[in-house]
Amino acid sequence: MPPALKNDLPARRLREREREKEALLKFPVEELVNIIMDVGFSCDLCAKCCTRAFNGHVLLLDDEAARIKDRYPAALEPVPFFDFCDQEGTFYVSGYTIRTVKDKVGSCWFLERGRCTVYEFRPRVCRIYPYMLHREPDESGRVDWRQISGLNQHGEYHREISREYANQIARDVIAFEKAVLEHEIAFLEATGSFFARKGLFHVRKMYDNQIKRLAHGISVPVRVYSHGSFDQWITDGKVTKRQMVE
């Protein structure tokens, strides 16, 4: 298969993310403001959103990852879902997340007795939660922007929220989602360029084989995209360690 076709997956995903960013920027802020006011979410301190069992991993932007690395280096790890795997068996991911403690629900590293210990400088995704924006089918099957993570599964609803406050939340949400998409676009551009330069390409069979190795506790290499370059890590699915940057 020609190299151009072998490297088509990053290119296709790049086009998808660019279209998604374009759609995001067209999303009416006022529509999100009305949704926020109608939902009226209020935190009841249940801490469900601080666990991977309920909410997946914390999505960090580069500046947030750098800040955590400076103060709590042991709290960082690569995003736990791999985007690509080259023919040499190395995984590629688009950034960092916060580690979890080893409990049944995968509680955040910074969660103690149900409270966040870094609340004053918590990541942006935690600040805007649960007003996430992502494209998915609605009840009729039409693909559109959907909002509200974990609706009716945590917190309280229908509290009064001022339009001024809802407007600030809405703008923060859209700014965050734009930054996430821009990071993802940069990651895909960097991966495509790195593959072309090194003669690498994504191999699904190798991806599956490496996932099986992880299931058996065998270490595999991971390249993490951060601040415009790739950091080298190694993981066995339980312990993840930083290596020297190539």
Protein backbone atom coordinates (compact mmCIF):
# COMPACT_ATOMS: atom_id res chain seq x y z
CA MET A 1 0.00 0.00 0.00
CA PRO A 2 1.42 3.46 -0.86
CA PRO A 3 2.60 5.51 2.17
CA ALA A 4 0.07 8.25 1.39
CA LEU A 5 -2.78 5.79 1.84
CA LYS A 6 -1.21 4.24 4.93
CA ASN A 7 -1.14 7.67 6.54
CA ASP A 8 -4.67 8.57 5.48
CA LEU A 9 -6.21 7.98 8.92
CA PRO A 10 -4.56 11.01 10.63
CA ALA A 11 -5.44 13.11 7.55
CA ARG A 12 -9.09 12.00 7.60
CA ARG A 13 -9.39 12.70 11.31
CA LEU A 14 -7.78 16.09 10.77
CA ARG A 15 -10.43 17.02 8.21
CA GLU A 16 -13.14 15.86 10.61
CA ARG A 17 -11.78 18.00 13.45
CA GLU A 18 -11.47 21.03 11.17
CA ARG A 19 -15.11 20.65 10.15
CA GLU A 20 -16.06 20.22 13.81
CA LYS A 21 -14.25 23.43 14.76
CA GLU A 22 -16.02 25.28 11.96
CA ALA A 23 -19.38 24.00 13.24
CA LEU A 24 -18.49 24.94 16.81
CA LEU A 25 -17.72 28.52 15.87
CA LYS A 26 -21.11 28.75 14.16
CA PHE A 27 -22.94 27.46 17.24
CA PRO A 28 -25.08 30.32 18.63
CA VAL A 29 -23.90 31.45 22.06
CA GLU A 30 -27.43 32.56 22.89
CA GLU A 31 -28.75 29.04 22.30
CA LEU A 32 -26.31 27.63 24.84
CA VAL A 33 -27.16 30.45 27.27
CA ASN A 34 -30.83 29.46 27.11
CA ILE A 35 -29.97 25.80 27.65
CA ILE A 36 -27.85 26.62 30.70
CA MET A 37 -30.61 28.73 32.21
CA ASP A 38 -33.23 26.07 31.50
CA VAL A 39 -31.16 23.23 32.98
CA GLY A 40 -30.20 25.24 36.06
CA PHE A 41 -27.53 22.78 37.16
CA SER A 42 -26.32 23.06 40.74
CA CYS A 43 -23.53 20.94 42.23
CA ASP A 44 -24.57 18.88 45.25
CA LEU A 45 -20.98 17.80 46.07
CA CYS A 46 -21.57 14.14 45.19
CA ALA A 47 -18.08 14.00 43.55
CA LYS A 48 -19.27 11.59 40.83
CA CYS A 49 -17.79 13.83 38.15
CA CYS A 50 -14.38 13.34 39.79
CA THR A 51 -14.29 9.62 38.94
CA ARG A 52 -13.52 7.76 35.73
CA ALA A 53 -16.34 5.30 36.38
CA PHE A 54 -18.84 8.12 35.92
CA ASN A 55 -17.06 10.70 33.84
CA GLY A 56 -14.02 9.30 32.04
CA HIS A 57 -10.66 11.07 32.19
CA VAL A 58 -9.95 14.74 32.84
CA LEU A 59 -9.09 16.47 29.57
CA LEU A 60 -6.09 18.76 30.15
CA LEU A 61 -4.86 21.52 27.86
CA ASP A 62 -1.10 22.03 27.56
CA ASP A 63 -0.85 24.94 30.00
CA GLU A 64 -2.83 23.00 32.62
CA ALA A 65 -0.67 19.91 32.19
CA ALA A 66 2.46 22.05 32.57
CA ARG A 67 1.13 23.68 35.73
CA ILE A 68 0.29 20.32 37.30
CA LYS A 69 3.64 18.88 36.21
CA ASP A 70 5.48 21.72 37.98
CA ARG A 71 3.63 21.28 41.27
CA TYR A 72 2.50 17.63 41.26
CA PRO A 73 4.53 15.69 38.65
CA ALA A 74 3.31 12.31 39.90
CA ALA A 75 -0.29 13.32 39.15
CA LEU A 76 0.13 13.32 35.35
CA GLU A 77 -0.18 10.45 32.90
CA PRO A 78 -0.93 10.09 29.16
CA VAL A 79 -4.56 10.12 28.06
CA PRO A 80 -5.67 6.47 28.51
CA PHE A 81 -7.18 6.06 25.04
CA PHE A 82 -4.72 5.58 22.18
CA ASP A 83 -5.30 7.31 18.84
CA PHE A 84 -2.78 5.50 16.64
CA CYS A 85 -0.20 2.71 16.68
CA ASP A 86 2.68 2.61 14.21
CA GLN A 87 4.18 -0.50 12.65
CA GLU A 88 6.87 -0.55 15.36
CA GLY A 89 4.26 -0.89 18.11
CA THR A 90 4.31 2.63 19.52
CA PHE A 91 1.02 4.25 20.52
CA TYR A 92 0.24 7.95 19.99
CA VAL A 93 -2.03 10.08 22.19
CA SER A 94 -2.97 13.75 22.07
CA GLY A 95 -2.07 14.85 25.57
CA TYR A 96 -2.12 14.33 29.31
CA THR A 97 -4.71 13.64 31.96
CA ILE A 98 -4.77 13.40 35.76
CA ARG A 99 -3.99 10.03 37.30
CA THR A 100 -6.53 8.24 39.41
CA VAL A 101 -6.10 6.54 42.75
CA LYS A 102 -6.52 2.79 42.90
CA ASP A 103 -10.10 2.57 44.11
CA LYS A 104 -13.14 0.94 42.51
CA VAL A 105 -14.38 4.06 40.72
CA GLY A 106 -11.07 5.57 39.63
CA SER A 107 -11.22 8.70 41.77
CA CYS A 108 -9.17 11.73 40.72
CA TRP A 109 -5.68 12.02 42.19
CA PHE A 110 -6.74 15.30 43.81
CA LEU A 111 -9.97 14.04 45.37
CA GLU A 112 -9.79 13.56 49.14
CA ARG A 113 -12.83 12.73 51.27
CA GLY A 114 -15.09 13.80 48.45
CA ARG A 115 -13.49 17.22 48.00
CA CYS A 116 -11.06 18.65 45.44
CA THR A 117 -7.72 19.61 46.98
CA VAL A 118 -6.76 21.89 44.07
CA TYR A 119 -10.13 23.57 43.58
CA GLU A 120 -8.72 27.07 43.14
CA PHE A 121 -6.69 26.03 40.08
CA ARG A 122 -8.77 23.09 38.87
CA PRO A 123 -8.68 22.42 35.09
CA ARG A 124 -11.04 24.28 32.78
CA VAL A 125 -13.03 21.16 31.98
CA CYS A 126 -13.88 20.92 35.69
CA ARG A 127 -14.90 24.59 35.76
CA ILE A 128 -17.38 24.33 32.88
CA TYR A 129 -18.75 20.90 33.79
CA PRO A 130 -21.38 19.65 33.01
CA TYR A 131 -21.88 21.92 29.99
CA MET A 132 -19.84 19.97 27.44
CA LEU A 133 -20.23 20.39 23.69
CA HIS A 134 -19.88 17.46 21.34
CA ARG A 135 -21.54 16.25 18.16
CA GLU A 136 -23.78 13.22 18.40
CA PRO A 137 -27.20 12.09 17.17
CA ASP A 138 -30.27 13.39 18.98
CA GLU A 139 -33.36 11.25 19.65
CA SER A 140 -34.44 11.56 16.01
CA GLY A 141 -31.00 10.56 14.72
CA ARG A 142 -30.04 14.05 13.54
CA VAL A 143 -26.40 14.83 14.28
CA ASP A 144 -26.08 18.10 16.14
CA TRP A 145 -24.32 19.67 19.10
CA ARG A 146 -25.56 18.12 22.32
CA GLN A 147 -24.94 19.40 25.84
CA ILE A 148 -25.08 18.45 29.52
CA SER A 149 -22.92 15.59 30.74
CA GLY A 150 -24.58 13.02 32.97
CA LEU A 151 -27.95 14.80 32.89
CA ASN A 152 -30.24 13.65 35.73
CA GLN A 153 -27.53 11.32 37.05
CA HIS A 154 -25.89 13.74 39.48
CA GLY A 155 -26.30 17.22 40.93
CA GLU A 156 -29.49 19.25 41.16
CA TYR A 157 -31.46 20.98 38.43
CA HIS A 158 -33.82 23.85 37.70
CA ARG A 159 -32.06 26.29 40.01
CA GLU A 160 -32.28 29.93 39.02
CA ILE A 161 -29.28 31.12 37.01
CA SER A 162 -28.93 34.71 35.87
CA ARG A 163 -28.55 35.40 32.17
CA GLU A 164 -25.29 37.24 32.87
CA TYR A 165 -23.82 34.19 34.65
CA ALA A 166 -25.16 31.77 32.02
CA ASN A 167 -23.64 33.94 29.29
CA GLN A 168 -20.22 33.74 30.96
CA ILE A 169 -20.51 29.94 31.29
CA ALA A 170 -21.53 29.63 27.64
CA ARG A 171 -18.58 31.68 26.43
CA ASP A 172 -16.18 29.73 28.64
CA VAL A 173 -17.57 26.45 27.29
CA ILE A 174 -17.15 27.45 23.65
CA ALA A 175 -13.66 28.85 24.30
CA PHE A 176 -12.65 25.59 26.00
CA GLU A 177 -14.05 23.40 23.25
CA LYS A 178 -12.30 25.54 20.64
CA ALA A 179 -8.98 25.12 22.47
CA VAL A 180 -9.51 21.36 22.69
CA LEU A 181 -10.19 21.09 18.95
CA GLU A 182 -7.18 23.26 18.14
CA HIS A 183 -4.98 20.99 20.25
CA GLU A 184 -6.41 17.93 18.54
CA ILE A 185 -5.83 19.48 15.12
CA ALA A 186 -2.22 20.29 16.06
CA PHE A 187 -1.75 16.71 17.29
CA LEU A 188 -3.05 15.24 14.05
CA GLU A 189 -0.90 17.58 11.96
CA ALA A 190 2.17 16.70 14.04
CA THR A 191 1.44 12.97 13.86
CA GLY A 192 1.01 13.07 10.09
CA SER A 193 4.25 15.01 9.70
CA PHE A 194 6.12 12.71 12.10
CA PHE A 195 4.86 9.61 10.27
CA ALA A 196 5.91 11.01 6.90
CA ARG A 197 9.33 12.04 8.17
CA LYS A 198 10.04 8.70 9.87
CA GLY A 199 8.38 6.42 7.32
CA LEU A 200 5.75 5.34 9.84
CA PHE A 201 2.02 4.64 9.48
CA HIS A 202 -0.91 3.48 11.57
CA VAL A 203 -1.42 -0.31 11.61
CA ARG A 204 -4.69 -1.60 13.06
CA LYS A 205 -3.40 -5.13 13.57
CA MET A 206 -0.39 -3.84 15.50
CA TYR A 207 -2.76 -1.65 17.53
CA ASP A 208 -4.81 -4.69 18.48
CA ASN A 209 -1.70 -6.75 19.26
CA GLN A 210 -0.33 -4.07 21.57
CA ILE A 211 -3.67 -3.80 23.37
CA LYS A 212 -3.45 -7.55 24.00
CA ARG A 213 0.08 -7.13 25.34
CA LEU A 214 -1.17 -4.49 27.74
CA ALA A 215 -3.92 -6.85 28.90
CA HIS A 216 -1.16 -9.28 29.91
CA GLY A 217 0.83 -6.60 31.72
CA ILE A 218 3.52 -6.28 29.03
CA SER A 219 4.98 -2.78 28.64
CA VAL A 220 4.49 -0.85 25.41
CA PRO A 221 5.83 2.58 24.32
CA VAL A 222 3.58 5.66 24.06
CA ARG A 223 4.28 9.02 22.43
CA VAL A 224 2.35 11.86 24.03
CA TYR A 225 1.81 15.08 22.08
CA SER A 226 2.43 18.13 24.24
CA HIS A 227 3.62 21.68 23.53
CA GLY A 228 4.29 20.94 19.87
CA SER A 229 6.36 17.77 20.25
CA PHE A 230 6.16 14.18 21.45
CA ASP A 231 7.14 12.98 24.93
CA GLN A 232 8.15 9.34 25.25
CA TRP A 233 6.46 7.17 27.88
CA ILE A 234 6.10 3.47 28.57
CA THR A 235 3.11 1.74 30.12
CA ASP A 236 2.06 -1.78 31.09
CA GLY A 237 -1.54 -0.70 31.61
CA LYS A 238 -1.05 -0.17 35.35
CA VAL A 239 2.21 1.72 35.75
CA THR A 240 3.05 4.51 33.30
CA LYS A 241 6.49 6.12 33.35
CA ARG A 242 8.15 8.98 31.49
CA GLN A 243 11.20 8.15 29.37
CA MET A 244 13.80 10.37 27.76
CA VAL A 245 12.42 12.41 24.88
CA GLU A 246 13.60 11.05 21.54
